[in-house]
């Protein structure tokens, strides 16, 4: 049987399509945050995300109602994504989506710093330089000493930090079950975390709000499902650069929806952060391949 991973072009196409769907979720969240509390918007995102995943789980024949493997790590993973989503929605409520998304992409740099402690991964000078350059890119985007600085954009930085921990917990859970099932548990975890909080800010949505909330969950489910499908056709190293296509899609959506286009400082920051993050990911991949080769006896250690 032909290995699906021999079709990287299909994987890349699916990944780019996913990066078009995900910013639409952010668009709905920004529009909803005008009339509803961010906590309620985030709660609805996870509720409808989980509901839309149920047909996919049934189609794949995945049993979802049992206690998950490693439930503590599943809960921590859900908690990190919940914090990421709440913080990011607070950021885009008052700031342009592309600008906030740029700061979210500091996550590979945060992973590079903490992975040696939490995952036992290595950290070298080259990646250290990339991390420093990446945070210089953050300063270019933030411009904290200028009149254009908005303190609410710091929510996006918090989102990037918590998303990095989400990535690291995801690595720990990589072999704990089907990715689609792990994604469903993440949605359920978000609902469990936010349900005790949503009552204090609850506002019964009108029909338009309900449709937008359902659409938000649908685009989240489709986007993440496309990412899972892309990983079945191509390797992580082949797909990693296409994560940054989300910024292009978010910029296009923001231009047509809000007539916003990032200024030159944001584009310079995007270039610095994305280049640094891509290098860190590439460096990590190369070291991982070398470690596997040494383990398999294909490279002699001098």
C-alpha atoms as a PDB file:
ATOM      1  CA  UNK A   1       0.000   0.000   0.000  1.00  0.00           C
ATOM      2  CA  UNK A   2       1.353   3.429  -0.937  1.00  0.00           C
ATOM      3  CA  UNK A   3       2.394   5.561   2.004  1.00  0.00           C
ATOM      4  CA  UNK A   4       0.310   8.706   2.186  1.00  0.00           C
ATOM      5  CA  UNK A   5       3.412  10.625   3.243  1.00  0.00           C
ATOM      6  CA  UNK A   6       4.735  10.213  -0.294  1.00  0.00           C
ATOM      7  CA  UNK A   7       2.318  12.977  -1.337  1.00  0.00           C
ATOM      8  CA  UNK A   8       3.784  16.122   0.275  1.00  0.00           C
ATOM      9  CA  UNK A   9       2.160  18.475  -2.237  1.00  0.00           C
ATOM     10  CA  UNK A  10      -1.279  17.329  -1.065  1.00  0.00           C
ATOM     11  CA  UNK A  11      -0.184  17.825   2.538  1.00  0.00           C
ATOM     12  CA  UNK A  12       1.098  21.314   1.802  1.00  0.00           C
ATOM     13  CA  UNK A  13      -2.126  22.233   0.008  1.00  0.00           C
ATOM     14  CA  UNK A  14      -4.201  20.977   2.947  1.00  0.00           C
ATOM     15  CA  UNK A  15      -2.016  22.930   5.373  1.00  0.00           C
ATOM     16  CA  UNK A  16      -2.414  26.149   3.398  1.00  0.00           C
ATOM     17  CA  UNK A  17      -6.176  25.586   3.256  1.00  0.00           C
ATOM     18  CA  UNK A  18      -6.202  25.079   7.023  1.00  0.00           C
ATOM     19  CA  UNK A  19      -4.345  28.360   7.483  1.00  0.00           C
ATOM     20  CA  UNK A  20      -7.151  30.066   5.532  1.00  0.00           C
ATOM     21  CA  UNK A  21      -9.873  28.575   7.741  1.00  0.00           C
ATOM     22  CA  UNK A  22      -8.254  29.366  11.105  1.00  0.00           C
ATOM     23  CA  UNK A  23      -8.172  33.199  10.696  1.00  0.00           C
ATOM     24  CA  UNK A  24     -11.896  33.116   9.849  1.00  0.00           C
ATOM     25  CA  UNK A  25     -12.414  31.759  13.360  1.00  0.00           C
ATOM     26  CA  UNK A  26     -10.543  34.813  14.673  1.00  0.00           C
ATOM     27  CA  UNK A  27     -12.699  37.111  12.534  1.00  0.00           C
ATOM     28  CA  UNK A  28     -15.887  35.729  14.088  1.00  0.00           C
ATOM     29  CA  UNK A  29     -14.355  36.030  17.565  1.00  0.00           C
ATOM     30  CA  UNK A  30     -13.453  39.700  16.988  1.00  0.00           C
ATOM     31  CA  UNK A  31     -16.944  40.514  15.727  1.00  0.00           C
ATOM     32  CA  UNK A  32     -18.621  38.639  18.603  1.00  0.00           C
ATOM     33  CA  UNK A  33     -16.447  40.381  21.203  1.00  0.00           C
ATOM     34  CA  UNK A  34     -18.212  43.643  20.359  1.00  0.00           C
ATOM     35  CA  UNK A  35     -21.465  42.401  21.945  1.00  0.00           C
ATOM     36  CA  UNK A  36     -20.409  39.470  24.145  1.00  0.00           C
ATOM     37  CA  UNK A  37     -17.796  38.966  26.853  1.00  0.00           C
ATOM     38  CA  UNK A  38     -14.559  37.346  25.706  1.00  0.00           C
ATOM     39  CA  UNK A  39     -15.048  34.515  28.218  1.00  0.00           C
ATOM     40  CA  UNK A  40     -18.432  33.675  26.669  1.00  0.00           C
ATOM     41  CA  UNK A  41     -17.039  33.896  23.128  1.00  0.00           C
ATOM     42  CA  UNK A  42     -14.196  31.543  24.053  1.00  0.00           C
ATOM     43  CA  UNK A  43     -16.595  29.163  25.821  1.00  0.00           C
ATOM     44  CA  UNK A  44     -18.779  29.057  22.704  1.00  0.00           C
ATOM     45  CA  UNK A  45     -15.712  28.394  20.544  1.00  0.00           C
ATOM     46  CA  UNK A  46     -14.902  25.234  22.532  1.00  0.00           C
ATOM     47  CA  UNK A  47     -18.530  24.092  22.868  1.00  0.00           C
ATOM     48  CA  UNK A  48     -19.260  24.248  19.153  1.00  0.00           C
ATOM     49  CA  UNK A  49     -15.788  22.975  18.279  1.00  0.00           C
ATOM     50  CA  UNK A  50     -16.542  19.832  20.304  1.00  0.00           C
ATOM     51  CA  UNK A  51     -20.028  19.464  18.828  1.00  0.00           C
ATOM     52  CA  UNK A  52     -18.755  19.739  15.248  1.00  0.00           C
ATOM     53  CA  UNK A  53     -16.082  17.131  15.968  1.00  0.00           C
ATOM     54  CA  UNK A  54     -18.622  14.510  17.035  1.00  0.00           C
ATOM     55  CA  UNK A  55     -19.665  13.615  13.436  1.00  0.00           C
ATOM     56  CA  UNK A  56     -15.984  13.342  12.457  1.00  0.00           C
ATOM     57  CA  UNK A  57     -15.298  11.018  15.384  1.00  0.00           C
ATOM     58  CA  UNK A  58     -18.310   8.883  14.422  1.00  0.00           C
ATOM     59  CA  UNK A  59     -17.142   8.794  10.794  1.00  0.00           C
ATOM     60  CA  UNK A  60     -13.666   7.682  11.869  1.00  0.00           C
ATOM     61  CA  UNK A  61     -15.133   5.147  14.326  1.00  0.00           C
ATOM     62  CA  UNK A  62     -13.270   6.686  17.274  1.00  0.00           C
ATOM     63  CA  UNK A  63     -14.526   5.910  20.781  1.00  0.00           C
ATOM     64  CA  UNK A  64     -14.588   9.262  22.575  1.00  0.00           C
ATOM     65  CA  UNK A  65     -16.607   8.646  25.750  1.00  0.00           C
ATOM     66  CA  UNK A  66     -13.936   6.778  27.722  1.00  0.00           C
ATOM     67  CA  UNK A  67     -11.447   8.281  30.171  1.00  0.00           C
ATOM     68  CA  UNK A  68      -8.450   9.501  28.109  1.00  0.00           C
ATOM     69  CA  UNK A  69      -4.922   8.233  28.552  1.00  0.00           C
ATOM     70  CA  UNK A  70      -2.761  10.492  30.724  1.00  0.00           C
ATOM     71  CA  UNK A  71      -5.763  12.589  31.883  1.00  0.00           C
ATOM     72  CA  UNK A  72      -3.588  15.035  33.866  1.00  0.00           C
ATOM     73  CA  UNK A  73      -1.560  15.984  30.802  1.00  0.00           C
ATOM     74  CA  UNK A  74      -4.753  16.139  28.740  1.00  0.00           C
ATOM     75  CA  UNK A  75      -6.208  18.609  31.235  1.00  0.00           C
ATOM     76  CA  UNK A  76      -3.001  20.677  31.314  1.00  0.00           C
ATOM     77  CA  UNK A  77      -2.931  20.744  27.524  1.00  0.00           C
ATOM     78  CA  UNK A  78      -6.550  21.914  27.433  1.00  0.00           C
ATOM     79  CA  UNK A  79      -5.815  24.523  30.083  1.00  0.00           C
ATOM     80  CA  UNK A  80      -2.921  25.934  28.046  1.00  0.00           C
ATOM     81  CA  UNK A  81      -5.020  26.169  24.875  1.00  0.00           C
ATOM     82  CA  UNK A  82      -7.865  27.738  26.861  1.00  0.00           C
ATOM     83  CA  UNK A  83      -5.527  30.412  28.247  1.00  0.00           C
ATOM     84  CA  UNK A  84      -4.116  30.928  24.744  1.00  0.00           C
ATOM     85  CA  UNK A  85      -7.560  31.397  23.229  1.00  0.00           C
ATOM     86  CA  UNK A  86      -8.865  33.713  25.960  1.00  0.00           C
ATOM     87  CA  UNK A  87      -5.723  35.861  25.814  1.00  0.00           C
ATOM     88  CA  UNK A  88      -5.702  35.983  22.018  1.00  0.00           C
ATOM     89  CA  UNK A  89      -9.386  36.937  21.859  1.00  0.00           C
ATOM     90  CA  UNK A  90      -8.742  39.728  24.377  1.00  0.00           C
ATOM     91  CA  UNK A  91      -5.879  40.886  22.147  1.00  0.00           C
ATOM     92  CA  UNK A  92      -7.870  40.960  18.909  1.00  0.00           C
ATOM     93  CA  UNK A  93     -10.850  42.631  20.586  1.00  0.00           C
ATOM     94  CA  UNK A  94      -8.985  45.959  20.552  1.00  0.00           C
ATOM     95  CA  UNK A  95      -6.124  45.273  18.117  1.00  0.00           C
ATOM     96  CA  UNK A  96      -5.740  44.127  14.504  1.00  0.00           C
ATOM     97  CA  UNK A  97      -5.714  40.362  14.025  1.00  0.00           C
ATOM     98  CA  UNK A  98      -2.424  40.262  12.002  1.00  0.00           C
ATOM     99  CA  UNK A  99      -0.545  42.221  14.672  1.00  0.00           C
ATOM    100  CA  UNK A 100      -1.773  39.950  17.461  1.00  0.00           C
ATOM    101  CA  UNK A 101      -1.091  36.858  15.351  1.00  0.00           C
ATOM    102  CA  UNK A 102       2.505  37.968  14.818  1.00  0.00           C
ATOM    103  CA  UNK A 103       3.108  37.932  18.581  1.00  0.00           C
ATOM    104  CA  UNK A 104       1.456  34.504  18.841  1.00  0.00           C
ATOM    105  CA  UNK A 105       4.268  33.177  16.646  1.00  0.00           C
ATOM    106  CA  UNK A 106       6.809  33.714  19.428  1.00  0.00           C
ATOM    107  CA  UNK A 107       5.750  30.230  20.619  1.00  0.00           C
ATOM    108  CA  UNK A 108       8.608  28.327  18.859  1.00  0.00           C
ATOM    109  CA  UNK A 109      11.074  30.643  20.593  1.00  0.00           C
ATOM    110  CA  UNK A 110       9.477  29.984  24.002  1.00  0.00           C
ATOM    111  CA  UNK A 111       9.536  26.248  23.293  1.00  0.00           C
ATOM    112  CA  UNK A 112      13.255  26.484  22.511  1.00  0.00           C
ATOM    113  CA  UNK A 113      13.840  28.048  25.946  1.00  0.00           C
ATOM    114  CA  UNK A 114      11.733  25.686  28.076  1.00  0.00           C
ATOM    115  CA  UNK A 115      11.919  22.388  26.145  1.00  0.00           C
ATOM    116  CA  UNK A 116      15.365  21.519  27.588  1.00  0.00           C
ATOM    117  CA  UNK A 117      13.828  21.602  31.082  1.00  0.00           C
ATOM    118  CA  UNK A 118      10.405  20.104  30.392  1.00  0.00           C
ATOM    119  CA  UNK A 119      11.209  17.712  27.538  1.00  0.00           C
ATOM    120  CA  UNK A 120      14.926  17.098  27.951  1.00  0.00           C
ATOM    121  CA  UNK A 121      15.731  18.635  24.570  1.00  0.00           C
ATOM    122  CA  UNK A 122      19.004  20.390  23.795  1.00  0.00           C
ATOM    123  CA  UNK A 123      19.655  24.122  23.529  1.00  0.00           C
ATOM    124  CA  UNK A 124      22.656  25.519  21.664  1.00  0.00           C
ATOM    125  CA  UNK A 125      24.140  28.916  20.888  1.00  0.00           C
ATOM    126  CA  UNK A 126      22.629  29.068  17.390  1.00  0.00           C
ATOM    127  CA  UNK A 127      19.117  28.635  18.720  1.00  0.00           C
ATOM    128  CA  UNK A 128      19.886  31.068  21.524  1.00  0.00           C
ATOM    129  CA  UNK A 129      20.797  33.744  18.959  1.00  0.00           C
ATOM    130  CA  UNK A 130      17.588  32.984  17.028  1.00  0.00           C
ATOM    131  CA  UNK A 131      15.563  33.418  20.227  1.00  0.00           C
ATOM    132  CA  UNK A 132      17.181  36.789  20.964  1.00  0.00           C
ATOM    133  CA  UNK A 133      16.560  37.985  17.397  1.00  0.00           C
ATOM    134  CA  UNK A 134      12.969  36.781  17.620  1.00  0.00           C
ATOM    135  CA  UNK A 135      12.332  38.866  20.709  1.00  0.00           C
ATOM    136  CA  UNK A 136      13.888  41.866  19.000  1.00  0.00           C
ATOM    137  CA  UNK A 137      11.222  41.298  16.356  1.00  0.00           C
ATOM    138  CA  UNK A 138       8.619  41.381  19.128  1.00  0.00           C
ATOM    139  CA  UNK A 139       9.900  44.800  20.207  1.00  0.00           C
ATOM    140  CA  UNK A 140       9.667  46.029  16.611  1.00  0.00           C
ATOM    141  CA  UNK A 141       6.006  44.995  16.477  1.00  0.00           C
ATOM    142  CA  UNK A 142       5.148  46.346  19.935  1.00  0.00           C
ATOM    143  CA  UNK A 143       7.082  49.642  19.731  1.00  0.00           C
ATOM    144  CA  UNK A 144       6.490  50.149  23.482  1.00  0.00           C
ATOM    145  CA  UNK A 145       7.975  53.665  23.552  1.00  0.00           C
ATOM    146  CA  UNK A 146       5.730  55.122  20.832  1.00  0.00           C
ATOM    147  CA  UNK A 147       2.236  56.621  20.919  1.00  0.00           C
ATOM    148  CA  UNK A 148       0.946  53.699  18.827  1.00  0.00           C
ATOM    149  CA  UNK A 149       1.628  51.204  21.624  1.00  0.00           C
ATOM    150  CA  UNK A 150      -1.523  49.594  23.029  1.00  0.00           C
ATOM    151  CA  UNK A 151      -1.130  47.726  26.353  1.00  0.00           C
ATOM    152  CA  UNK A 152      -3.915  45.317  25.343  1.00  0.00           C
ATOM    153  CA  UNK A 153      -1.640  43.846  22.654  1.00  0.00           C
ATOM    154  CA  UNK A 154       0.339  42.244  25.494  1.00  0.00           C
ATOM    155  CA  UNK A 155      -2.515  39.721  25.705  1.00  0.00           C
ATOM    156  CA  UNK A 156      -1.185  38.348  22.404  1.00  0.00           C
ATOM    157  CA  UNK A 157       2.250  37.883  23.942  1.00  0.00           C
ATOM    158  CA  UNK A 158       0.668  35.933  26.813  1.00  0.00           C
ATOM    159  CA  UNK A 159      -1.161  33.864  24.198  1.00  0.00           C
ATOM    160  CA  UNK A 160       2.146  33.065  22.486  1.00  0.00           C
ATOM    161  CA  UNK A 161       3.743  31.977  25.770  1.00  0.00           C
ATOM    162  CA  UNK A 162       0.831  29.742  26.804  1.00  0.00           C
ATOM    163  CA  UNK A 163       0.630  28.308  23.281  1.00  0.00           C
ATOM    164  CA  UNK A 164       4.265  27.264  23.605  1.00  0.00           C
ATOM    165  CA  UNK A 165       3.364  25.206  26.685  1.00  0.00           C
ATOM    166  CA  UNK A 166       0.395  23.802  24.784  1.00  0.00           C
ATOM    167  CA  UNK A 167       2.840  22.616  22.110  1.00  0.00           C
ATOM    168  CA  UNK A 168       5.095  20.999  24.709  1.00  0.00           C
ATOM    169  CA  UNK A 169       2.214  19.161  26.380  1.00  0.00           C
ATOM    170  CA  UNK A 170       1.068  18.073  22.916  1.00  0.00           C
ATOM    171  CA  UNK A 171       4.475  16.500  22.357  1.00  0.00           C
ATOM    172  CA  UNK A 172       4.112  14.579  25.594  1.00  0.00           C
ATOM    173  CA  UNK A 173       0.720  13.301  24.411  1.00  0.00           C
ATOM    174  CA  UNK A 174       1.789  12.551  20.835  1.00  0.00           C
ATOM    175  CA  UNK A 175       1.439   8.786  21.286  1.00  0.00           C
ATOM    176  CA  UNK A 176      -1.499   8.767  23.708  1.00  0.00           C
ATOM    177  CA  UNK A 177      -4.229   8.346  21.096  1.00  0.00           C
ATOM    178  CA  UNK A 178      -5.573   9.415  17.692  1.00  0.00           C
ATOM    179  CA  UNK A 179      -4.940  13.140  17.043  1.00  0.00           C
ATOM    180  CA  UNK A 180      -8.640  13.740  16.354  1.00  0.00           C
ATOM    181  CA  UNK A 181      -9.534  12.261  19.748  1.00  0.00           C
ATOM    182  CA  UNK A 182      -6.907  14.381  21.504  1.00  0.00           C
ATOM    183  CA  UNK A 183      -8.352  17.422  19.742  1.00  0.00           C
ATOM    184  CA  UNK A 184     -11.821  16.520  21.031  1.00  0.00           C
ATOM    185  CA  UNK A 185     -10.539  16.116  24.590  1.00  0.00           C
ATOM    186  CA  UNK A 186      -8.955  19.564  24.263  1.00  0.00           C
ATOM    187  CA  UNK A 187     -12.335  21.064  23.344  1.00  0.00           C
ATOM    188  CA  UNK A 188     -14.010  19.292  26.275  1.00  0.00           C
ATOM    189  CA  UNK A 189     -11.269  20.534  28.596  1.00  0.00           C
ATOM    190  CA  UNK A 190     -11.855  24.112  27.440  1.00  0.00           C
ATOM    191  CA  UNK A 191     -15.570  23.771  28.183  1.00  0.00           C
ATOM    192  CA  UNK A 192     -14.868  22.367  31.668  1.00  0.00           C
ATOM    193  CA  UNK A 193     -12.431  25.171  32.492  1.00  0.00           C
ATOM    194  CA  UNK A 194     -14.668  28.008  31.268  1.00  0.00           C
ATOM    195  CA  UNK A 195     -18.135  26.810  32.297  1.00  0.00           C
ATOM    196  CA  UNK A 196     -17.723  27.949  35.947  1.00  0.00           C
ATOM    197  CA  UNK A 197     -16.729  31.421  34.686  1.00  0.00           C
ATOM    198  CA  UNK A 198     -19.232  31.991  31.906  1.00  0.00           C
ATOM    199  CA  UNK A 199     -22.261  32.335  34.189  1.00  0.00           C
ATOM    200  CA  UNK A 200     -21.113  35.679  35.584  1.00  0.00           C
ATOM    201  CA  UNK A 201     -20.818  37.238  32.108  1.00  0.00           C
ATOM    202  CA  UNK A 202     -23.530  35.315  30.291  1.00  0.00           C
ATOM    203  CA  UNK A 203     -25.651  37.149  27.742  1.00  0.00           C
ATOM    204  CA  UNK A 204     -28.197  35.085  25.826  1.00  0.00           C
ATOM    205  CA  UNK A 205     -27.150  35.302  22.184  1.00  0.00           C
ATOM    206  CA  UNK A 206     -29.584  36.387  19.491  1.00  0.00           C
ATOM    207  CA  UNK A 207     -29.938  34.357  16.296  1.00  0.00           C
ATOM    208  CA  UNK A 208     -27.086  36.194  14.569  1.00  0.00           C
ATOM    209  CA  UNK A 209     -24.790  35.689  17.547  1.00  0.00           C
ATOM    210  CA  UNK A 210     -25.692  32.003  17.776  1.00  0.00           C
ATOM    211  CA  UNK A 211     -24.995  31.443  14.086  1.00  0.00           C
ATOM    212  CA  UNK A 212     -21.651  33.231  14.394  1.00  0.00           C
ATOM    213  CA  UNK A 213     -20.709  31.165  17.448  1.00  0.00           C
ATOM    214  CA  UNK A 214     -21.617  27.940  15.648  1.00  0.00           C
ATOM    215  CA  UNK A 215     -19.648  29.097  12.591  1.00  0.00           C
ATOM    216  CA  UNK A 216     -16.660  29.904  14.796  1.00  0.00           C
ATOM    217  CA  UNK A 217     -16.659  26.333  16.124  1.00  0.00           C
ATOM    218  CA  UNK A 218     -17.129  24.938  12.630  1.00  0.00           C
ATOM    219  CA  UNK A 219     -14.129  26.788  11.206  1.00  0.00           C
ATOM    220  CA  UNK A 220     -12.058  25.717  14.219  1.00  0.00           C
ATOM    221  CA  UNK A 221     -13.013  22.065  13.704  1.00  0.00           C
ATOM    222  CA  UNK A 222     -12.409  22.167   9.947  1.00  0.00           C
ATOM    223  CA  UNK A 223      -9.109  24.009  10.293  1.00  0.00           C
ATOM    224  CA  UNK A 224      -7.690  21.601  12.856  1.00  0.00           C
ATOM    225  CA  UNK A 225      -9.015  18.571  10.948  1.00  0.00           C
ATOM    226  CA  UNK A 226      -7.256  19.806   7.800  1.00  0.00           C
ATOM    227  CA  UNK A 227      -4.023  20.117   9.789  1.00  0.00           C
ATOM    228  CA  UNK A 228      -4.405  16.505  10.957  1.00  0.00           C
ATOM    229  CA  UNK A 229      -5.075  15.394   7.373  1.00  0.00           C
ATOM    230  CA  UNK A 230      -2.049  17.359   6.138  1.00  0.00           C
ATOM    231  CA  UNK A 231       0.144  15.486   8.623  1.00  0.00           C
ATOM    232  CA  UNK A 232      -0.992  12.214   7.047  1.00  0.00           C
ATOM    233  CA  UNK A 233       0.378  13.274   3.674  1.00  0.00           C
ATOM    234  CA  UNK A 234       3.539  15.194   4.590  1.00  0.00           C
ATOM    235  CA  UNK A 235       6.119  15.364   7.348  1.00  0.00           C
ATOM    236  CA  UNK A 236       6.290  18.040  10.007  1.00  0.00           C
ATOM    237  CA  UNK A 237       9.409  19.554   8.413  1.00  0.00           C
ATOM    238  CA  UNK A 238       7.612  19.878   5.071  1.00  0.00           C
ATOM    239  CA  UNK A 239       4.567  21.500   6.648  1.00  0.00           C
ATOM    240  CA  UNK A 240       6.204  23.766   9.235  1.00  0.00           C
ATOM    241  CA  UNK A 241       6.908  26.755   6.908  1.00  0.00           C
ATOM    242  CA  UNK A 242       3.255  26.843   5.850  1.00  0.00           C
ATOM    243  CA  UNK A 243       2.131  27.720   9.393  1.00  0.00           C
ATOM    244  CA  UNK A 244       3.198  31.275   8.623  1.00  0.00           C
ATOM    245  CA  UNK A 245       0.759  31.450   5.707  1.00  0.00           C
ATOM    246  CA  UNK A 246      -1.836  32.154   8.413  1.00  0.00           C
ATOM    247  CA  UNK A 247      -0.445  35.691   8.697  1.00  0.00           C
ATOM    248  CA  UNK A 248      -1.019  36.244   4.965  1.00  0.00           C
ATOM    249  CA  UNK A 249      -4.588  34.937   5.218  1.00  0.00           C
ATOM    250  CA  UNK A 250      -5.265  36.974   8.371  1.00  0.00           C
ATOM    251  CA  UNK A 251      -3.956  40.120   6.676  1.00  0.00           C
ATOM    252  CA  UNK A 252      -6.200  39.572   3.668  1.00  0.00           C
ATOM    253  CA  UNK A 253      -9.245  38.964   5.876  1.00  0.00           C
ATOM    254  CA  UNK A 254      -8.488  42.029   8.010  1.00  0.00           C
ATOM    255  CA  UNK A 255      -8.058  44.182   4.914  1.00  0.00           C
ATOM    256  CA  UNK A 256     -11.425  43.204   3.437  1.00  0.00           C
ATOM    257  CA  UNK A 257     -13.318  43.107   6.758  1.00  0.00           C
ATOM    258  CA  UNK A 258     -11.777  46.084   8.584  1.00  0.00           C
ATOM    259  CA  UNK A 259      -9.793  47.936   5.895  1.00  0.00           C
ATOM    260  CA  UNK A 260      -6.614  47.297   7.911  1.00  0.00           C
ATOM    261  CA  UNK A 261      -3.185  46.674   6.419  1.00  0.00           C
ATOM    262  CA  UNK A 262      -0.070  46.304   8.637  1.00  0.00           C
ATOM    263  CA  UNK A 263       2.483  49.118   8.496  1.00  0.00           C
ATOM    264  CA  UNK A 264       6.153  48.615   7.665  1.00  0.00           C
ATOM    265  CA  UNK A 265       7.139  48.071  11.321  1.00  0.00           C
ATOM    266  CA  UNK A 266       4.734  45.160  11.679  1.00  0.00           C
ATOM    267  CA  UNK A 267       5.995  43.591   8.443  1.00  0.00           C
ATOM    268  CA  UNK A 268       9.603  43.923   9.621  1.00  0.00           C
ATOM    269  CA  UNK A 269       8.627  42.323  12.948  1.00  0.00           C
ATOM    270  CA  UNK A 270       6.771  39.560  11.113  1.00  0.00           C
ATOM    271  CA  UNK A 271       9.854  38.845   9.009  1.00  0.00           C
ATOM    272  CA  UNK A 272      12.177  38.722  12.041  1.00  0.00           C
ATOM    273  CA  UNK A 273       9.861  36.598  14.230  1.00  0.00           C
ATOM    274  CA  UNK A 274       8.918  34.160  11.452  1.00  0.00           C
ATOM    275  CA  UNK A 275      12.517  33.738  10.286  1.00  0.00           C
ATOM    276  CA  UNK A 276      13.738  33.139  13.851  1.00  0.00           C
ATOM    277  CA  UNK A 277      10.896  30.727  14.601  1.00  0.00           C
ATOM    278  CA  UNK A 278      11.400  28.842  11.347  1.00  0.00           C
ATOM    279  CA  UNK A 279      15.131  28.520  12.049  1.00  0.00           C
ATOM    280  CA  UNK A 280      14.507  27.221  15.562  1.00  0.00           C
ATOM    281  CA  UNK A 281      12.073  24.621  14.184  1.00  0.00           C
ATOM    282  CA  UNK A 282      14.505  23.631  11.410  1.00  0.00           C
ATOM    283  CA  UNK A 283      17.439  23.406  13.841  1.00  0.00           C
ATOM    284  CA  UNK A 284      15.415  21.253  16.200  1.00  0.00           C
ATOM    285  CA  UNK A 285      14.451  18.956  13.323  1.00  0.00           C
ATOM    286  CA  UNK A 286      18.070  18.550  12.198  1.00  0.00           C
ATOM    287  CA  UNK A 287      19.256  17.728  15.722  1.00  0.00           C
ATOM    288  CA  UNK A 288      16.391  15.278  16.142  1.00  0.00           C
ATOM    289  CA  UNK A 289      17.296  13.518  12.885  1.00  0.00           C
ATOM    290  CA  UNK A 290      20.943  13.322  13.953  1.00  0.00           C
ATOM    291  CA  UNK A 291      19.991  11.900  17.347  1.00  0.00           C
ATOM    292  CA  UNK A 292      17.858   9.217  15.696  1.00  0.00           C
ATOM    293  CA  UNK A 293      20.668   8.381  13.280  1.00  0.00           C
ATOM    294  CA  UNK A 294      23.121   7.998  16.183  1.00  0.00           C
ATOM    295  CA  UNK A 295      20.608   5.850  18.044  1.00  0.00           C
ATOM    296  CA  UNK A 296      20.140   3.637  14.989  1.00  0.00           C
ATOM    297  CA  UNK A 297      23.905   3.277  14.554  1.00  0.00           C
ATOM    298  CA  UNK A 298      24.106   5.162  11.250  1.00  0.00           C
ATOM    299  CA  UNK A 299      26.500   7.805  12.635  1.00  0.00           C
ATOM    300  CA  UNK A 300      29.638   7.091  14.604  1.00  0.00           C
ATOM    301  CA  UNK A 301      30.261   9.334  17.590  1.00  0.00           C
ATOM    302  CA  UNK A 302      33.837  10.591  17.528  1.00  0.00           C
END
